[in-house]
Amino acid sequence: LSGLNLPTSELARAAVSVRLHALIQGFNLLLIPLTTVLSCNALLAAGLLQPALRDGMVVMGLLPTTINMCVALSRSSGGDEAVAIFNAVLGNLLGVLLTPYLLLKLVGSAGALSAADTLQKLATRVLLPLLVGQLLRPPLQGAGVLAGRRKLLSRSSESLLLLIVYSTFCDTFLRGFGVPPATLAGLLAFVAGLHASHLWLAWQLGGLAGLRAKQRITLTLTATQKTLALGMPLLGVVFAGRPDLGLLCTPLLLQHPLQLLVGSLLSPRLKRIAAEEAP
């Protein structure tokens, strides 16, 4: 759907938006890990956070952005979809290189992210569908098939997003968390508060950088997300054999549906902001 909707010129334009890419990746892979480590260490020192949950939070903070969801949310919120696609690919490639190194420095454990697996996921989930859409776009446009159907394609994308949110919630609760309800509630409040602060910081950063609304929306939604697709395998590699592995995974299992739900709730408001600025 992105390939059908997006003109090739938009993708080419997005590729050279170097300053915006630097803002997104710097926020996602540097600022979020820093704020996560500082806040977790403060709670750990105060006796309010278990060491295993602290490690799980730090691992989550070190992960790159989502592969598909940042694109879907940017599209449905009136953001710059082409920039989101570019950064989904760039962020996950950078994550393969940076995340294991940062893990070694911040957690004291190192694990190898499979570059081949990451490239395969990026190719099948992002690049291949995008290429197919781009190849189909000229003949379909020439035949008049796409004329007047932009709204239908947009509605289809939004419907798929709702299905993804629903299936993610179902999968999360099917897996279970393996922690006491009180601990889970406290952790959820912490994860939600941290995510809300990152969303606010990203939005303010976009304003300070003088970004247009579309780019500001994409910065906010793309830079604050963390991928479950790479996170769960990484946790399994880094902490293999630890009896508290389920506890270590809990922050990411909470963050994943939370960021989808919050992004979906913010989407109508962000779309209005983008529409108000449009000429």
Protein backbone atom coordinates (compact mmCIF):
# COMPACT_ATOMS: atom_id res chain seq x y z
CA LEU A 1 0.00 0.00 0.00
CA SER A 2 2.88 2.39 0.73
CA GLY A 3 4.42 1.58 -2.63
CA LEU A 4 1.14 2.27 -4.43
CA ASN A 5 0.49 5.52 -2.57
CA LEU A 6 3.98 7.04 -2.58
CA PRO A 7 5.42 8.65 -5.72
CA THR A 8 9.02 7.58 -6.35
CA SER A 9 10.04 11.25 -6.14
CA GLU A 10 8.88 11.30 -2.49
CA LEU A 11 11.16 8.37 -1.63
CA ALA A 12 14.08 10.05 -3.41
CA ARG A 13 13.41 13.28 -1.48
CA ALA A 14 13.25 11.42 1.81
CA ALA A 15 16.60 9.71 1.19
CA VAL A 16 18.48 13.03 1.20
CA SER A 17 16.84 14.44 4.36
CA VAL A 18 20.07 13.84 6.27
CA ARG A 19 19.37 16.21 9.18
CA LEU A 20 15.99 14.61 9.89
CA HIS A 21 17.47 11.11 9.74
CA ALA A 22 20.18 12.16 12.19
CA LEU A 23 17.56 13.56 14.59
CA ILE A 24 15.47 10.38 14.46
CA GLN A 25 18.35 7.94 14.87
CA GLY A 26 20.15 10.05 17.47
CA PHE A 27 16.98 10.29 19.57
CA ASN A 28 16.16 6.60 19.19
CA LEU A 29 19.59 5.05 19.65
CA LEU A 30 21.34 7.59 21.91
CA LEU A 31 18.93 9.82 23.84
CA ILE A 32 16.39 7.14 24.79
CA PRO A 33 19.08 4.73 26.08
CA LEU A 34 20.58 7.58 28.13
CA THR A 35 17.29 8.64 29.75
CA THR A 36 16.33 4.99 30.33
CA VAL A 37 19.60 4.11 32.05
CA LEU A 38 19.52 7.22 34.26
CA SER A 39 15.91 6.74 35.35
CA CYS A 40 16.33 3.00 35.92
CA ASN A 41 19.49 3.46 37.98
CA ALA A 42 17.71 6.03 40.14
CA LEU A 43 14.80 3.64 40.81
CA LEU A 44 17.22 0.75 41.41
CA ALA A 45 19.16 2.81 43.97
CA ALA A 46 15.89 3.71 45.71
CA GLY A 47 14.90 0.04 45.88
CA LEU A 48 11.88 0.57 43.61
CA LEU A 49 13.08 -1.56 40.67
CA GLN A 50 14.39 -5.11 40.57
CA PRO A 51 17.81 -5.66 38.92
CA ALA A 52 16.29 -8.02 36.33
CA LEU A 53 13.66 -5.44 35.36
CA ARG A 54 16.37 -2.77 35.19
CA ASP A 55 18.33 -4.92 32.72
CA GLY A 56 15.18 -5.57 30.70
CA MET A 57 14.41 -1.85 30.56
CA VAL A 58 17.94 -1.00 29.42
CA VAL A 59 17.86 -3.65 26.68
CA MET A 60 14.53 -2.25 25.49
CA GLY A 61 15.95 1.28 25.43
CA LEU A 62 18.88 0.16 23.27
CA LEU A 63 16.71 -1.36 20.54
CA PRO A 64 16.08 0.34 17.17
CA THR A 65 12.68 1.53 15.99
CA THR A 66 9.95 -0.79 14.72
CA ILE A 67 10.14 -2.25 11.21
CA ASN A 68 6.53 -1.76 10.13
CA MET A 69 4.59 0.02 12.84
CA CYS A 70 6.36 3.39 12.65
CA VAL A 71 5.51 3.48 8.93
CA ALA A 72 1.85 2.57 9.48
CA LEU A 73 1.43 5.12 12.28
CA SER A 74 3.19 7.88 10.33
CA ARG A 75 0.94 7.24 7.35
CA SER A 76 -2.29 7.20 9.38
CA SER A 77 -1.24 10.32 11.34
CA GLY A 78 -0.46 12.48 8.31
CA GLY A 79 3.31 12.24 8.77
CA ASP A 80 6.05 11.85 6.19
CA GLU A 81 5.65 8.20 5.23
CA ALA A 82 8.72 8.13 2.98
CA VAL A 83 10.96 9.35 5.83
CA ALA A 84 9.46 6.72 8.16
CA ILE A 85 10.23 3.94 5.65
CA PHE A 86 13.81 5.15 5.22
CA ASN A 87 14.40 5.28 8.98
CA ALA A 88 12.79 1.90 9.65
CA VAL A 89 15.43 0.38 7.37
CA LEU A 90 18.31 2.59 8.53
CA GLY A 91 17.49 2.20 12.23
CA ASN A 92 17.38 -1.58 12.16
CA LEU A 93 20.62 -1.80 10.19
CA LEU A 94 22.29 0.52 12.72
CA GLY A 95 20.78 -1.54 15.54
CA VAL A 96 22.60 -4.65 14.34
CA LEU A 97 25.90 -2.80 14.80
CA LEU A 98 25.24 -0.51 17.79
CA THR A 99 22.93 -2.46 20.10
CA PRO A 100 25.34 -5.33 20.99
CA TYR A 101 28.17 -2.84 21.64
CA LEU A 102 25.99 -0.63 23.86
CA LEU A 103 24.71 -3.71 25.69
CA LEU A 104 28.27 -4.66 26.55
CA LYS A 105 28.92 -1.17 27.93
CA LEU A 106 25.66 -0.63 29.82
CA VAL A 107 24.54 -4.10 30.94
CA GLY A 108 27.81 -5.98 30.88
CA SER A 109 26.49 -8.60 28.46
CA ALA A 110 27.01 -8.88 24.74
CA GLY A 111 25.00 -10.71 22.15
CA ALA A 112 25.12 -10.95 18.39
CA LEU A 113 22.22 -9.75 16.31
CA SER A 114 22.09 -11.77 13.12
CA ALA A 115 22.69 -9.41 10.21
CA ALA A 116 21.30 -11.98 7.78
CA ASP A 117 18.04 -12.37 9.76
CA THR A 118 17.67 -8.60 10.07
CA LEU A 119 18.22 -8.05 6.35
CA GLN A 120 15.72 -10.80 5.56
CA LYS A 121 13.07 -9.20 7.78
CA LEU A 122 13.70 -5.76 6.30
CA ALA A 123 13.57 -7.14 2.76
CA THR A 124 10.36 -9.15 3.20
CA ARG A 125 8.46 -6.70 5.43
CA VAL A 126 9.53 -3.33 4.01
CA LEU A 127 11.63 -3.32 0.85
CA LEU A 128 9.91 -6.04 -1.21
CA PRO A 129 6.32 -4.78 -0.64
CA LEU A 130 7.49 -1.23 -1.30
CA LEU A 131 9.21 -2.28 -4.55
CA VAL A 132 6.15 -4.22 -5.74
CA GLY A 133 3.93 -1.21 -5.05
CA GLN A 134 6.32 1.13 -6.88
CA LEU A 135 6.46 -1.20 -9.92
CA LEU A 136 2.66 -1.51 -10.03
CA ARG A 137 2.06 2.21 -9.58
CA PRO A 138 2.87 3.45 -13.15
CA PRO A 139 0.72 0.89 -15.06
CA LEU A 140 -2.16 1.20 -12.58
CA GLN A 141 -1.95 4.98 -12.71
CA GLY A 142 -1.89 4.88 -16.51
CA ALA A 143 -4.95 2.66 -16.58
CA GLY A 144 -6.78 5.03 -14.21
CA VAL A 145 -7.13 2.37 -11.52
CA LEU A 146 -5.66 4.55 -8.75
CA ALA A 147 -7.62 7.66 -9.67
CA GLY A 148 -10.06 8.51 -6.89
CA ARG A 149 -8.98 5.52 -4.79
CA ARG A 150 -6.43 7.25 -2.57
CA LYS A 151 -8.97 7.50 0.26
CA LEU A 152 -9.79 3.78 -0.10
CA LEU A 153 -6.10 2.86 0.15
CA SER A 154 -5.75 5.12 3.20
CA ARG A 155 -8.78 3.50 4.88
CA SER A 156 -7.34 0.06 4.11
CA SER A 157 -4.06 1.02 5.80
CA GLU A 158 -5.90 2.29 8.87
CA SER A 159 -7.98 -0.91 9.07
CA LEU A 160 -4.83 -3.02 8.90
CA LEU A 161 -3.31 -0.91 11.67
CA LEU A 162 -6.31 -1.61 13.91
CA LEU A 163 -5.97 -5.34 13.22
CA ILE A 164 -2.27 -5.21 14.11
CA VAL A 165 -3.00 -3.42 17.40
CA TYR A 166 -5.68 -5.98 18.27
CA SER A 167 -3.51 -9.00 17.40
CA THR A 168 -0.57 -7.54 19.35
CA PHE A 169 -2.68 -7.18 22.50
CA CYS A 170 -3.96 -10.75 22.09
CA ASP A 171 -0.43 -12.10 21.60
CA THR A 172 0.95 -10.16 24.57
CA PHE A 173 -1.65 -11.47 27.01
CA LEU A 174 -1.37 -14.98 25.57
CA ARG A 175 2.37 -15.00 26.34
CA GLY A 176 1.77 -13.83 29.91
CA PHE A 177 4.17 -11.78 32.04
CA GLY A 178 5.17 -14.05 34.91
CA VAL A 179 5.31 -11.25 37.51
CA PRO A 180 3.03 -10.37 40.45
CA PRO A 181 0.14 -8.02 39.56
CA ALA A 182 1.43 -5.22 41.80
CA THR A 183 4.89 -5.35 40.22
CA LEU A 184 3.33 -5.47 36.77
CA ALA A 185 1.16 -2.43 37.49
CA GLY A 186 4.12 -0.42 38.81
CA LEU A 187 6.26 -1.39 35.83
CA LEU A 188 3.47 -0.49 33.40
CA ALA A 189 3.17 2.96 35.00
CA PHE A 190 6.95 3.44 34.70
CA VAL A 191 7.07 2.29 31.05
CA ALA A 192 4.07 4.46 30.17
CA GLY A 193 5.53 7.52 31.91
CA LEU A 194 8.89 7.07 30.20
CA HIS A 195 7.24 6.61 26.81
CA ALA A 196 5.09 9.71 27.33
CA SER A 197 8.15 11.77 28.25
CA HIS A 198 9.96 10.55 25.12
CA LEU A 199 6.99 11.47 22.94
CA TRP A 200 6.91 14.96 24.48
CA LEU A 201 10.67 15.42 24.11
CA ALA A 202 10.60 14.27 20.46
CA TRP A 203 7.74 16.65 19.66
CA GLN A 204 9.55 19.57 21.32
CA LEU A 205 12.78 18.69 19.53
CA GLY A 206 10.96 18.80 16.21
CA GLY A 207 9.68 22.25 17.04
CA LEU A 208 13.12 23.50 18.07
CA ALA A 209 14.58 22.10 14.84
CA GLY A 210 12.01 24.05 12.81
CA LEU A 211 10.48 20.96 11.20
CA ARG A 212 7.20 21.12 9.30
CA ALA A 213 4.25 19.30 10.88
CA LYS A 214 4.58 16.18 8.68
CA GLN A 215 8.24 15.75 9.56
CA ARG A 216 7.63 16.55 13.23
CA ILE A 217 4.95 13.86 13.40
CA THR A 218 7.26 11.29 11.81
CA LEU A 219 10.08 12.21 14.18
CA THR A 220 7.78 11.78 17.18
CA LEU A 221 6.29 8.45 16.11
CA THR A 222 9.42 6.86 14.62
CA ALA A 223 12.10 7.95 17.11
CA THR A 224 10.16 6.79 20.20
CA GLN A 225 9.32 3.22 19.14
CA LYS A 226 11.21 0.03 20.00
CA THR A 227 11.12 -3.17 17.98
CA LEU A 228 9.84 -6.45 19.40
CA ALA A 229 10.98 -8.36 16.28
CA LEU A 230 14.67 -7.88 17.11
CA GLY A 231 14.26 -7.38 20.86
CA MET A 232 12.94 -10.81 21.80
CA PRO A 233 15.66 -12.79 19.95
CA LEU A 234 18.32 -10.49 21.40
CA LEU A 235 17.09 -11.02 24.96
CA GLY A 236 17.17 -14.76 24.36
CA VAL A 237 20.80 -14.59 23.16
CA VAL A 238 22.17 -12.15 25.73
CA PHE A 239 20.51 -13.67 28.79
CA ALA A 240 20.30 -17.32 27.72
CA GLY A 241 20.16 -19.62 30.72
CA ARG A 242 19.03 -16.99 33.22
CA PRO A 243 16.09 -18.22 35.30
CA ASP A 244 14.55 -14.72 35.27
CA LEU A 245 14.44 -14.45 31.47
CA GLY A 246 10.66 -14.00 31.56
CA LEU A 247 11.10 -11.03 33.90
CA LEU A 248 13.72 -9.53 31.59
CA CYS A 249 11.30 -9.68 28.66
CA THR A 250 8.42 -8.03 30.54
CA PRO A 251 9.32 -4.34 29.83
CA LEU A 252 9.43 -4.98 26.08
CA LEU A 253 6.19 -6.99 26.19
CA LEU A 254 4.55 -3.98 27.86
CA GLN A 255 6.16 -1.36 25.61
CA HIS A 256 5.16 -3.02 22.36
CA PRO A 257 1.35 -2.88 22.69
CA LEU A 258 1.57 0.39 24.64
CA GLN A 259 3.35 2.27 21.83
CA LEU A 260 0.83 0.94 19.31
CA LEU A 261 -2.14 1.97 21.43
CA VAL A 262 -0.76 5.44 22.25
CA GLY A 263 0.21 6.04 18.62
CA SER A 264 -3.25 5.02 17.45
CA LEU A 265 -4.92 7.32 20.01
CA LEU A 266 -2.70 10.25 18.98
CA SER A 267 -3.21 9.64 15.27
CA PRO A 268 -6.44 11.66 14.73
CA ARG A 269 -5.06 14.69 16.57
CA LEU A 270 -1.73 14.56 14.71
CA LYS A 271 -3.56 14.18 11.40
CA ARG A 272 -5.53 17.37 12.12
CA ILE A 273 -2.28 19.22 12.93
CA ALA A 274 -0.78 18.12 9.62
CA ALA A 275 -3.94 19.11 7.73
CA GLU A 276 -4.04 22.56 9.36
CA GLU A 277 -0.50 23.33 8.22
CA ALA A 278 -0.98 22.00 4.67
CA PRO A 279 -1.27 24.83 2.08
